[in-house]
Amino acid sequence: MWNEVKDNLSSAKVYLKEFLFFNAIFILFSFLIIDNRIIVFTLIILLFLLSLVFLNMVGYKRKGELNEVKSVVAGIRKNTFNRPEEIKLSKNLQALQEEIKQMFEKEINDIEYLKKLERVRTEFLANVSHELRTPIFAIQGYIETLLDGAIDDKNVNKNFLDKANQHTINLSNLLSDLIDISMIESGEMRMSYRYFDINEYISQIIQEMTTMAKEKNIELVYHPAKAGLQLFGDKSKLKQVFTNLITNAIKYTEHGKVEVLVEEEQKYAKIIIRDTGIGISQEDIARIFERFYRVDKARSRAVGGTGLGLAIVKHIVEAHNSKIEVKSEPGVGSEFSFRLKK
């Protein structure tokens, strides 16, 4: 029992200064008001005893509350709790209970986020390794074949060199996209916003990509906005967006046309890239902006896709406080759109 009292008093010692101050004031007033020293000393002894009893009670209560908190913290450390609702403290500790619940919930969310990051990192490294191996092994195969004697065969050597060269271009594109996506996701992408003439800007991009469209006998059409329309954005980064979207539209369209439209709204202008290509299923639309996700992996590699283009497009568009939207129907075509501020 005495050990328990000692523990209680030890728990209550944080209030010892306040008790001593109160007792000192009481004793001082007792000496000033009461002339009878016997009564004064009697009151001092009673005050001392009452203080010990009160300190014991306060220490007992505080020790119990501390044990509650220790038990909860130990439970969190040992993963005893699965949900914040399982954490319960006494009535006097409700404010602390809510803080611990919030801390526990944040800890769970942080752990889940770290696990997700690790999964993403692992998948990313696996995808990068695979994507790098594909062109490297192809180039190696062509070179080995040429070294084994095919280099002297005029019907084979140029064809193999052309294919090897195409794979080096694909590899260069992949590395460029990897650098871009790395800078974007690490927050190192620097944006330079300004107003620019959208008709002049898109016309130049269309002119650069017309040759690619003609090679597939596809019509590349631009429907201009009103003359002099100025939009706000980063011209350099937006060129990546237009180039990626138009390139994809041409690559996955076998016949028909690819259209680029600018529809003026009250505060924004809607940019639309529409094609009459193979289209995308609703199931795939939800995932096409993921890194290395391909609707048709074999076809994508055949046309030189890196699997990063749409992920880059999404990040750049979002950096303009906009959102990339997709409408598509398999066998009919696709429409990608986003808005820029006027």
Protein backbone atom coordinates (compact mmCIF):
# COMPACT_ATOMS: atom_id res chain seq x y z
CA MET A 1 0.00 0.00 0.00
CA TRP A 2 2.80 2.38 0.92
CA ASN A 3 4.48 1.74 -2.45
CA GLU A 4 1.21 2.59 -4.18
CA VAL A 5 0.98 5.86 -2.20
CA LYS A 6 4.57 6.65 -3.16
CA ASP A 7 3.73 6.04 -6.81
CA ASN A 8 0.67 8.27 -6.53
CA LEU A 9 2.64 11.07 -4.90
CA SER A 10 5.36 10.68 -7.52
CA SER A 11 2.74 11.09 -10.26
CA ALA A 12 1.36 14.18 -8.55
CA LYS A 13 4.72 15.90 -8.07
CA VAL A 14 4.15 17.91 -11.26
CA TYR A 15 1.62 19.89 -9.17
CA LEU A 16 3.95 20.19 -6.13
CA LYS A 17 4.90 23.84 -6.79
CA GLU A 18 1.25 24.88 -6.88
CA PHE A 19 0.51 23.02 -3.63
CA LEU A 20 3.53 24.52 -1.87
CA PHE A 21 2.57 28.00 -3.04
CA PHE A 22 -1.01 27.54 -1.79
CA ASN A 23 0.19 26.15 1.57
CA ALA A 24 2.69 29.00 2.01
CA ILE A 25 -0.06 31.60 1.43
CA PHE A 26 -2.36 29.80 3.90
CA ILE A 27 0.36 29.62 6.59
CA LEU A 28 1.26 33.29 6.11
CA PHE A 29 -2.35 34.42 6.51
CA SER A 30 -2.77 32.10 9.50
CA PHE A 31 0.14 33.81 11.32
CA LEU A 32 -1.22 37.25 10.47
CA ILE A 33 -4.83 36.60 11.45
CA ILE A 34 -4.61 34.07 14.33
CA ASP A 35 -2.71 35.04 17.46
CA ASN A 36 -2.86 31.62 19.08
CA ARG A 37 0.26 29.80 17.91
CA ILE A 38 -1.07 26.36 19.00
CA ILE A 39 -4.08 26.73 16.74
CA VAL A 40 -1.81 27.92 13.91
CA PHE A 41 0.49 24.92 14.22
CA THR A 42 -2.50 22.58 14.46
CA LEU A 43 -3.91 24.06 11.26
CA ILE A 44 -0.53 23.70 9.56
CA ILE A 45 -0.38 19.99 10.48
CA LEU A 46 -3.95 19.45 9.27
CA LEU A 47 -3.16 21.31 6.06
CA PHE A 48 -0.10 19.13 5.52
CA LEU A 49 -2.09 15.93 6.05
CA LEU A 50 -4.92 17.11 3.79
CA SER A 51 -2.38 18.10 1.13
CA LEU A 52 -0.88 14.61 1.24
CA VAL A 53 -4.32 13.03 0.91
CA PHE A 54 -5.26 15.35 -1.94
CA LEU A 55 -1.94 14.85 -3.70
CA ASN A 56 -2.41 11.08 -3.37
CA MET A 57 -5.87 11.32 -4.95
CA VAL A 58 -4.63 13.59 -7.75
CA GLY A 59 -1.61 11.32 -8.32
CA TYR A 60 -3.83 8.24 -8.41
CA LYS A 61 -6.07 9.80 -11.04
CA ARG A 62 -3.17 11.10 -13.09
CA LYS A 63 -1.38 7.75 -12.93
CA GLY A 64 -4.51 6.03 -14.22
CA GLU A 65 -4.81 8.47 -17.13
CA LEU A 66 -1.12 8.09 -17.95
CA ASN A 67 -1.48 4.31 -17.93
CA GLU A 68 -4.42 4.63 -20.31
CA VAL A 69 -2.37 6.70 -22.71
CA LYS A 70 0.62 4.35 -22.39
CA SER A 71 -1.62 1.38 -23.13
CA VAL A 72 -3.00 3.02 -26.27
CA VAL A 73 0.48 4.06 -27.48
CA ALA A 74 1.78 0.54 -26.83
CA GLY A 75 -1.19 -0.84 -28.77
CA ILE A 76 -0.40 1.40 -31.73
CA ARG A 77 3.26 0.39 -31.59
CA LYS A 78 2.33 -3.32 -31.54
CA ASN A 79 -0.28 -2.90 -34.31
CA THR A 80 -3.10 -3.94 -31.97
CA PHE A 81 -5.53 -1.45 -33.52
CA ASN A 82 -6.86 -1.80 -37.05
CA ARG A 83 -9.13 1.26 -37.10
CA PRO A 84 -9.10 4.66 -35.31
CA GLU A 85 -12.53 3.87 -33.79
CA GLU A 86 -10.91 1.14 -31.66
CA ILE A 87 -8.91 3.74 -29.71
CA LYS A 88 -10.79 4.75 -26.55
CA LEU A 89 -9.78 6.83 -23.53
CA SER A 90 -11.71 7.96 -20.43
CA LYS A 91 -14.13 10.90 -20.47
CA ASN A 92 -11.55 13.43 -19.24
CA LEU A 93 -9.19 12.53 -22.07
CA GLN A 94 -11.56 12.94 -25.02
CA ALA A 95 -9.57 15.78 -26.60
CA LEU A 96 -6.39 13.71 -26.38
CA GLN A 97 -8.28 10.69 -27.73
CA GLU A 98 -9.27 12.60 -30.85
CA GLU A 99 -5.69 13.78 -31.39
CA ILE A 100 -4.38 10.21 -31.05
CA LYS A 101 -7.04 8.96 -33.46
CA GLN A 102 -6.02 11.57 -36.03
CA MET A 103 -2.36 10.70 -35.54
CA PHE A 104 -3.14 6.98 -35.92
CA GLU A 105 -5.18 7.60 -39.07
CA LYS A 106 -2.39 9.71 -40.55
CA GLU A 107 0.12 6.99 -39.70
CA ILE A 108 -2.03 4.41 -41.52
CA ASN A 109 -2.38 6.69 -44.54
CA ASP A 110 1.36 7.41 -44.57
CA ILE A 111 2.17 3.70 -44.44
CA GLU A 112 -0.27 2.96 -47.27
CA TYR A 113 1.20 5.83 -49.28
CA LEU A 114 4.74 4.54 -48.76
CA LYS A 115 3.65 1.02 -49.77
CA LYS A 116 2.02 2.44 -52.88
CA LEU A 117 5.15 4.44 -53.70
CA GLU A 118 7.25 1.30 -53.31
CA ARG A 119 4.90 -0.65 -55.60
CA VAL A 120 4.98 2.17 -58.16
CA ARG A 121 8.78 2.37 -57.94
CA THR A 122 9.14 -1.38 -58.37
CA GLU A 123 6.73 -1.46 -61.31
CA PHE A 124 8.40 1.58 -62.85
CA LEU A 125 11.88 0.02 -62.64
CA ALA A 126 10.56 -3.27 -64.07
CA ASN A 127 8.86 -1.43 -66.94
CA VAL A 128 11.90 0.74 -67.66
CA SER A 129 14.16 -2.33 -67.69
CA HIS A 130 11.81 -4.11 -70.08
CA GLU A 131 11.36 -1.10 -72.35
CA LEU A 132 15.12 -0.51 -72.54
CA ARG A 133 15.91 -4.18 -73.20
CA THR A 134 13.52 -4.42 -76.16
CA PRO A 135 15.29 -1.97 -78.54
CA ILE A 136 18.75 -2.84 -77.22
CA PHE A 137 18.28 -6.59 -77.87
CA ALA A 138 16.80 -5.83 -81.30
CA ILE A 139 19.78 -3.64 -82.24
CA GLN A 140 22.15 -6.30 -80.91
CA GLY A 141 20.42 -8.97 -82.98
CA TYR A 142 20.64 -6.98 -86.21
CA ILE A 143 24.32 -6.13 -85.65
CA GLU A 144 25.22 -9.76 -84.82
CA THR A 145 23.44 -10.94 -87.97
CA LEU A 146 25.34 -8.39 -90.04
CA LEU A 147 28.66 -9.40 -88.46
CA ASP A 148 27.91 -13.05 -89.18
CA GLY A 149 27.99 -12.32 -92.91
CA ALA A 150 24.75 -10.57 -93.77
CA ILE A 151 26.65 -7.30 -94.16
CA ASP A 152 27.86 -8.55 -97.58
CA ASP A 153 24.30 -9.22 -98.77
CA LYS A 154 23.02 -6.02 -100.37
CA ASN A 155 19.41 -7.23 -100.12
CA VAL A 156 19.71 -7.61 -96.34
CA ASN A 157 22.29 -5.19 -94.93
CA LYS A 158 20.46 -1.92 -95.69
CA ASN A 159 17.17 -3.32 -94.40
CA PHE A 160 18.82 -4.43 -91.15
CA LEU A 161 20.65 -1.14 -90.73
CA ASP A 162 17.40 0.77 -91.28
CA LYS A 163 15.67 -1.35 -88.63
CA ALA A 164 18.55 -0.94 -86.19
CA ASN A 165 18.50 2.80 -86.80
CA GLN A 166 14.73 2.91 -86.10
CA HIS A 167 15.30 1.10 -82.82
CA THR A 168 17.96 3.65 -81.83
CA ILE A 169 15.41 6.41 -82.56
CA ASN A 170 12.84 4.59 -80.40
CA LEU A 171 15.43 4.22 -77.65
CA SER A 172 16.29 7.93 -77.85
CA ASN A 173 12.58 8.83 -77.65
CA LEU A 174 12.14 6.56 -74.64
CA LEU A 175 15.08 8.14 -72.80
CA SER A 176 13.79 11.65 -73.59
CA ASP A 177 10.33 10.73 -72.24
CA LEU A 178 11.87 9.14 -69.15
CA ILE A 179 13.78 12.36 -68.42
CA ASP A 180 10.60 14.41 -68.96
CA ILE A 181 8.39 12.25 -66.72
CA SER A 182 11.11 12.17 -64.05
CA MET A 183 11.41 15.98 -64.02
CA ILE A 184 7.62 16.39 -63.98
CA GLU A 185 6.98 13.96 -61.12
CA SER A 186 9.89 15.27 -59.05
CA GLY A 187 8.53 18.82 -59.34
CA GLU A 188 11.56 20.03 -61.32
CA MET A 189 9.57 20.95 -64.43
CA ARG A 190 9.84 24.71 -64.92
CA MET A 191 6.86 26.39 -66.57
CA SER A 192 6.95 29.68 -68.50
CA TYR A 193 3.41 31.01 -69.00
CA ARG A 194 2.54 33.76 -71.43
CA TYR A 195 -0.18 34.78 -73.89
CA PHE A 196 0.27 33.67 -77.51
CA ASP A 197 -1.67 33.58 -80.78
CA ILE A 198 -3.25 30.13 -80.82
CA ASN A 199 -3.96 30.08 -84.60
CA GLU A 200 -0.39 30.91 -85.51
CA TYR A 201 0.92 28.44 -82.91
CA ILE A 202 -1.19 25.42 -84.00
CA SER A 203 -0.74 26.18 -87.72
CA GLN A 204 3.02 25.84 -87.30
CA ILE A 205 2.63 22.47 -85.50
CA ILE A 206 0.23 21.21 -88.19
CA GLN A 207 2.71 22.22 -90.88
CA GLU A 208 5.47 20.23 -89.14
CA MET A 209 3.28 17.11 -88.88
CA THR A 210 1.65 17.18 -92.32
CA THR A 211 4.37 14.97 -93.84
CA MET A 212 3.71 12.25 -91.27
CA ALA A 213 -0.01 12.33 -92.06
CA LYS A 214 0.57 12.25 -95.84
CA GLU A 215 2.77 9.15 -95.48
CA LYS A 216 -0.36 7.34 -94.23
CA ASN A 217 -2.70 9.07 -96.69
CA ILE A 218 -4.51 10.73 -93.78
CA GLU A 219 -5.89 14.24 -93.96
CA LEU A 220 -4.65 16.52 -91.15
CA VAL A 221 -7.06 19.43 -90.75
CA TYR A 222 -7.00 22.49 -88.52
CA HIS A 223 -10.22 24.39 -87.85
CA PRO A 224 -8.94 27.78 -86.65
CA ALA A 225 -10.48 29.97 -83.98
CA LYS A 226 -11.30 33.62 -84.57
CA ALA A 227 -8.38 35.70 -85.77
CA GLY A 228 -6.09 37.07 -83.07
CA LEU A 229 -7.33 34.78 -80.25
CA GLN A 230 -4.74 34.83 -77.45
CA LEU A 231 -4.47 31.93 -74.98
CA PHE A 232 -2.37 31.59 -71.83
CA GLY A 233 0.13 28.78 -71.40
CA ASP A 234 3.65 27.44 -71.72
CA LYS A 235 4.25 27.20 -75.49
CA SER A 236 7.19 24.82 -75.17
CA LYS A 237 5.40 22.33 -72.90
CA LEU A 238 2.13 22.61 -74.81
CA LYS A 239 3.97 21.66 -78.00
CA GLN A 240 4.71 18.30 -76.35
CA VAL A 241 0.99 17.93 -75.67
CA PHE A 242 -0.05 18.74 -79.25
CA THR A 243 2.74 16.64 -80.76
CA ASN A 244 1.94 13.60 -78.62
CA LEU A 245 -1.81 13.77 -79.20
CA ILE A 246 -1.60 14.42 -82.96
CA THR A 247 1.13 11.79 -83.41
CA ASN A 248 -1.01 9.19 -81.60
CA ALA A 249 -4.04 10.16 -83.67
CA ILE A 250 -2.09 9.66 -86.93
CA LYS A 251 -0.45 6.42 -85.79
CA TYR A 252 -3.73 4.78 -84.79
CA THR A 253 -5.77 6.00 -87.77
CA GLU A 254 -5.69 3.82 -90.89
CA HIS A 255 -8.02 5.91 -93.03
CA GLY A 256 -9.97 9.13 -92.73
CA LYS A 257 -8.67 12.24 -91.06
CA VAL A 258 -7.29 13.88 -87.94
CA GLU A 259 -8.81 17.20 -86.94
CA VAL A 260 -7.59 19.89 -84.56
CA LEU A 261 -10.25 22.34 -83.38
CA VAL A 262 -10.34 25.39 -81.12
CA GLU A 263 -13.78 26.13 -79.64
CA GLU A 264 -14.02 29.49 -77.88
CA GLU A 265 -15.86 29.64 -74.56
CA GLN A 266 -16.52 32.50 -72.13
CA LYS A 267 -13.26 32.36 -70.17
CA TYR A 268 -11.49 29.50 -71.89
CA ALA A 269 -10.88 27.94 -75.27
CA LYS A 270 -11.40 24.21 -75.72
CA ILE A 271 -8.68 22.44 -77.71
CA ILE A 272 -9.87 19.26 -79.44
CA ILE A 273 -7.84 16.60 -81.28
CA ARG A 274 -10.24 14.22 -83.05
CA ASP A 275 -9.50 11.22 -85.26
CA THR A 276 -11.30 8.47 -87.18
CA GLY A 277 -8.97 5.78 -85.87
CA ILE A 278 -9.35 2.43 -84.17
CA GLY A 279 -10.78 3.94 -80.96
CA ILE A 280 -10.33 2.97 -77.31
CA SER A 281 -12.60 0.85 -75.12
CA GLN A 282 -14.13 2.38 -71.98
CA GLU A 283 -12.14 -0.08 -69.87
CA ASP A 284 -8.86 1.13 -71.33
CA ILE A 285 -9.74 4.86 -71.20
CA ALA A 286 -9.50 4.73 -67.39
CA ARG A 287 -5.86 3.62 -67.63
CA ILE A 288 -4.36 5.16 -70.76
CA PHE A 289 -2.69 7.98 -68.79
CA GLU A 290 -0.74 5.53 -66.61
CA ARG A 291 2.97 5.20 -67.28
CA PHE A 292 3.78 2.39 -69.74
CA TYR A 293 0.14 1.38 -70.11
CA ARG A 294 -0.66 0.35 -73.67
CA VAL A 295 -4.03 -0.63 -75.10
CA ASP A 296 -2.31 -2.79 -77.73
CA LYS A 297 1.28 -3.47 -76.66
CA ALA A 298 2.40 -5.11 -79.89
CA ARG A 299 0.89 -2.37 -82.07
CA SER A 300 2.25 0.39 -79.83
CA ARG A 301 5.80 -0.90 -80.09
CA ALA A 302 5.39 -1.42 -83.84
CA VAL A 303 4.54 2.27 -84.31
CA GLY A 304 7.30 3.39 -81.95
CA GLY A 305 5.33 4.28 -78.83
CA THR A 306 7.18 4.66 -75.52
CA GLY A 307 4.15 4.24 -73.25
CA LEU A 308 4.91 7.57 -71.56
CA GLY A 309 3.44 10.10 -73.98
CA LEU A 310 -0.06 10.34 -72.50
CA ALA A 311 1.30 10.39 -68.93
CA ILE A 312 3.39 13.43 -69.92
CA VAL A 313 0.36 15.02 -71.63
CA LYS A 314 -1.74 14.59 -68.48
CA HIS A 315 0.87 16.22 -66.22
CA ILE A 316 1.45 19.19 -68.53
CA VAL A 317 -2.27 19.84 -69.00
CA GLU A 318 -2.82 19.66 -65.23
CA ALA A 319 0.04 22.12 -64.74
CA HIS A 320 -2.15 24.54 -66.75
CA ASN A 321 -4.98 24.03 -64.21
CA SER A 322 -6.88 22.03 -66.79
CA LYS A 323 -7.91 18.42 -67.32
CA ILE A 324 -7.48 16.11 -70.28
CA GLU A 325 -10.79 14.57 -71.35
CA VAL A 326 -11.32 11.57 -73.60
CA LYS A 327 -14.25 10.38 -75.69
CA SER A 328 -13.79 7.28 -77.78
CA GLU A 329 -15.61 4.43 -79.48
CA PRO A 330 -13.83 1.35 -80.84
CA GLY A 331 -13.91 1.34 -84.62
CA VAL A 332 -15.18 4.92 -84.82
CA GLY A 333 -12.42 7.13 -83.43
CA SER A 334 -11.22 9.14 -80.45
CA GLU A 335 -11.40 12.70 -79.19
CA PHE A 336 -8.95 14.22 -76.70
CA SER A 337 -9.66 17.70 -75.34
CA PHE A 338 -8.50 20.20 -72.75
CA ARG A 339 -9.00 23.88 -72.00
CA LEU A 340 -6.66 26.85 -71.92
CA LYS A 341 -7.33 30.19 -70.28
CA LYS A 342 -8.10 33.21 -72.49
